[in-house]
């Protein structure tokens, strides 16, 4: 599957943000911070990871629809990519 450079950069940026948020959750737990604050930060981390997943699957669906023969040859049948989307939902 081919994903354009701009999309890859966006996904990497989002992953770095999520990584920082997870480190923030770890630090908050170590500091004994209020549960509500930790859950808020944890929720932000989860949402960031979900956005990466949805962005990746959307790029995959776009590629599969635009290149059905190449997608099938690489093992990315449209139905398989749709199942990946449903895993995230």
C-alpha atoms as a PDB file:
ATOM      1  CA  UNK A   1       0.000   0.000   0.000  1.00  0.00           C
ATOM      2  CA  UNK A   2       1.302   3.420  -0.907  1.00  0.00           C
ATOM      3  CA  UNK A   3       0.656   6.357   1.384  1.00  0.00           C
ATOM      4  CA  UNK A   4       1.630   9.848   0.303  1.00  0.00           C
ATOM      5  CA  UNK A   5       4.397  11.644   2.153  1.00  0.00           C
ATOM      6  CA  UNK A   6       2.138  14.342   3.629  1.00  0.00           C
ATOM      7  CA  UNK A   7      -0.139  11.724   5.174  1.00  0.00           C
ATOM      8  CA  UNK A   8       2.821   9.801   6.587  1.00  0.00           C
ATOM      9  CA  UNK A   9       4.233  12.977   8.133  1.00  0.00           C
ATOM     10  CA  UNK A  10       0.848  13.773   9.676  1.00  0.00           C
ATOM     11  CA  UNK A  11       0.532  10.265  11.119  1.00  0.00           C
ATOM     12  CA  UNK A  12       4.073  10.428  12.539  1.00  0.00           C
ATOM     13  CA  UNK A  13       3.331  13.826  14.111  1.00  0.00           C
ATOM     14  CA  UNK A  14       0.174  12.453  15.699  1.00  0.00           C
ATOM     15  CA  UNK A  15       2.063   9.420  17.035  1.00  0.00           C
ATOM     16  CA  UNK A  16       4.722  11.642  18.599  1.00  0.00           C
ATOM     17  CA  UNK A  17       1.972  13.678  20.266  1.00  0.00           C
ATOM     18  CA  UNK A  18       0.324  10.518  21.594  1.00  0.00           C
ATOM     19  CA  UNK A  19       3.686   9.281  22.842  1.00  0.00           C
ATOM     20  CA  UNK A  20       4.140  12.500  24.783  1.00  0.00           C
ATOM     21  CA  UNK A  21       0.646  12.227  26.204  1.00  0.00           C
ATOM     22  CA  UNK A  22       1.288   8.660  27.381  1.00  0.00           C
ATOM     23  CA  UNK A  23       4.522   9.782  29.033  1.00  0.00           C
ATOM     24  CA  UNK A  24       2.482  12.534  30.660  1.00  0.00           C
ATOM     25  CA  UNK A  25       0.058   9.951  32.048  1.00  0.00           C
ATOM     26  CA  UNK A  26       2.960   7.947  33.453  1.00  0.00           C
ATOM     27  CA  UNK A  27       4.390  11.045  35.108  1.00  0.00           C
ATOM     28  CA  UNK A  28       1.013  12.048  36.509  1.00  0.00           C
ATOM     29  CA  UNK A  29       0.576   8.602  38.061  1.00  0.00           C
ATOM     30  CA  UNK A  30       4.075   8.732  39.525  1.00  0.00           C
ATOM     31  CA  UNK A  31       3.279  12.132  41.044  1.00  0.00           C
ATOM     32  CA  UNK A  32       0.003  10.899  42.493  1.00  0.00           C
ATOM     33  CA  UNK A  33      -2.060  13.411  40.520  1.00  0.00           C
ATOM     34  CA  UNK A  34      -5.826  13.571  40.777  1.00  0.00           C
ATOM     35  CA  UNK A  35      -7.643  10.720  39.033  1.00  0.00           C
ATOM     36  CA  UNK A  36      -9.777  13.120  36.985  1.00  0.00           C
ATOM     37  CA  UNK A  37      -6.700  14.808  35.561  1.00  0.00           C
ATOM     38  CA  UNK A  38      -5.092  11.470  34.709  1.00  0.00           C
ATOM     39  CA  UNK A  39      -8.232  10.203  32.988  1.00  0.00           C
ATOM     40  CA  UNK A  40      -8.477  13.426  30.981  1.00  0.00           C
ATOM     41  CA  UNK A  41      -4.907  13.002  29.763  1.00  0.00           C
ATOM     42  CA  UNK A  42      -5.448   9.308  29.099  1.00  0.00           C
ATOM     43  CA  UNK A  43      -8.546  10.095  27.037  1.00  0.00           C
ATOM     44  CA  UNK A  44      -6.521  12.548  24.950  1.00  0.00           C
ATOM     45  CA  UNK A  45      -3.937   9.817  24.344  1.00  0.00           C
ATOM     46  CA  UNK A  46      -6.566   7.341  23.232  1.00  0.00           C
ATOM     47  CA  UNK A  47      -8.181   9.862  20.876  1.00  0.00           C
ATOM     48  CA  UNK A  48      -4.791  10.681  19.353  1.00  0.00           C
ATOM     49  CA  UNK A  49      -4.111   7.003  18.650  1.00  0.00           C
ATOM     50  CA  UNK A  50      -7.580   6.548  17.201  1.00  0.00           C
ATOM     51  CA  UNK A  51      -6.955   9.445  14.829  1.00  0.00           C
ATOM     52  CA  UNK A  52      -3.754   7.773  13.618  1.00  0.00           C
ATOM     53  CA  UNK A  53      -5.629   4.539  13.006  1.00  0.00           C
ATOM     54  CA  UNK A  54      -8.450   6.237  11.146  1.00  0.00           C
ATOM     55  CA  UNK A  55      -6.006   8.268   9.072  1.00  0.00           C
ATOM     56  CA  UNK A  56      -4.064   5.157   8.138  1.00  0.00           C
ATOM     57  CA  UNK A  57      -7.160   3.186   7.174  1.00  0.00           C
ATOM     58  CA  UNK A  58      -8.594   6.138   5.232  1.00  0.00           C
ATOM     59  CA  UNK A  59      -5.367   6.381   3.243  1.00  0.00           C
ATOM     60  CA  UNK A  60      -5.512   2.629   2.656  1.00  0.00           C
ATOM     61  CA  UNK A  61      -9.113   2.751   1.483  1.00  0.00           C
ATOM     62  CA  UNK A  62      -8.313   5.614  -0.865  1.00  0.00           C
ATOM     63  CA  UNK A  63      -5.377   3.707  -2.313  1.00  0.00           C
ATOM     64  CA  UNK A  64      -7.379   0.485  -2.677  1.00  0.00           C
ATOM     65  CA  UNK A  65     -10.210   2.247  -4.497  1.00  0.00           C
ATOM     66  CA  UNK A  66      -7.799   4.117  -6.758  1.00  0.00           C
ATOM     67  CA  UNK A  67      -5.603   1.065  -7.452  1.00  0.00           C
ATOM     68  CA  UNK A  68      -7.796  -2.030  -7.105  1.00  0.00           C
ATOM     69  CA  UNK A  69      -5.549  -4.378  -9.092  1.00  0.00           C
ATOM     70  CA  UNK A  70      -2.361  -3.343  -7.290  1.00  0.00           C
ATOM     71  CA  UNK A  71      -4.150  -3.460  -3.942  1.00  0.00           C
ATOM     72  CA  UNK A  72      -5.391  -6.974  -4.550  1.00  0.00           C
ATOM     73  CA  UNK A  73      -1.941  -8.085  -5.744  1.00  0.00           C
ATOM     74  CA  UNK A  74      -0.426  -6.761  -2.498  1.00  0.00           C
ATOM     75  CA  UNK A  75      -3.020  -8.506  -0.368  1.00  0.00           C
ATOM     76  CA  UNK A  76      -5.103  -5.424   0.365  1.00  0.00           C
ATOM     77  CA  UNK A  77      -8.489  -6.515  -0.837  1.00  0.00           C
ATOM     78  CA  UNK A  78     -11.035  -3.745  -0.268  1.00  0.00           C
ATOM     79  CA  UNK A  79     -12.995  -5.966   2.103  1.00  0.00           C
ATOM     80  CA  UNK A  80      -9.860  -6.489   4.238  1.00  0.00           C
ATOM     81  CA  UNK A  81      -9.271  -2.759   4.572  1.00  0.00           C
ATOM     82  CA  UNK A  82     -12.935  -2.247   5.440  1.00  0.00           C
ATOM     83  CA  UNK A  83     -12.528  -4.817   8.233  1.00  0.00           C
ATOM     84  CA  UNK A  84      -9.562  -2.847   9.552  1.00  0.00           C
ATOM     85  CA  UNK A  85     -11.781   0.226   9.688  1.00  0.00           C
ATOM     86  CA  UNK A  86     -14.398  -1.689  11.645  1.00  0.00           C
ATOM     87  CA  UNK A  87     -11.774  -2.807  14.162  1.00  0.00           C
ATOM     88  CA  UNK A  88     -11.181   0.842  14.980  1.00  0.00           C
ATOM     89  CA  UNK A  89     -14.852   1.739  15.250  1.00  0.00           C
END
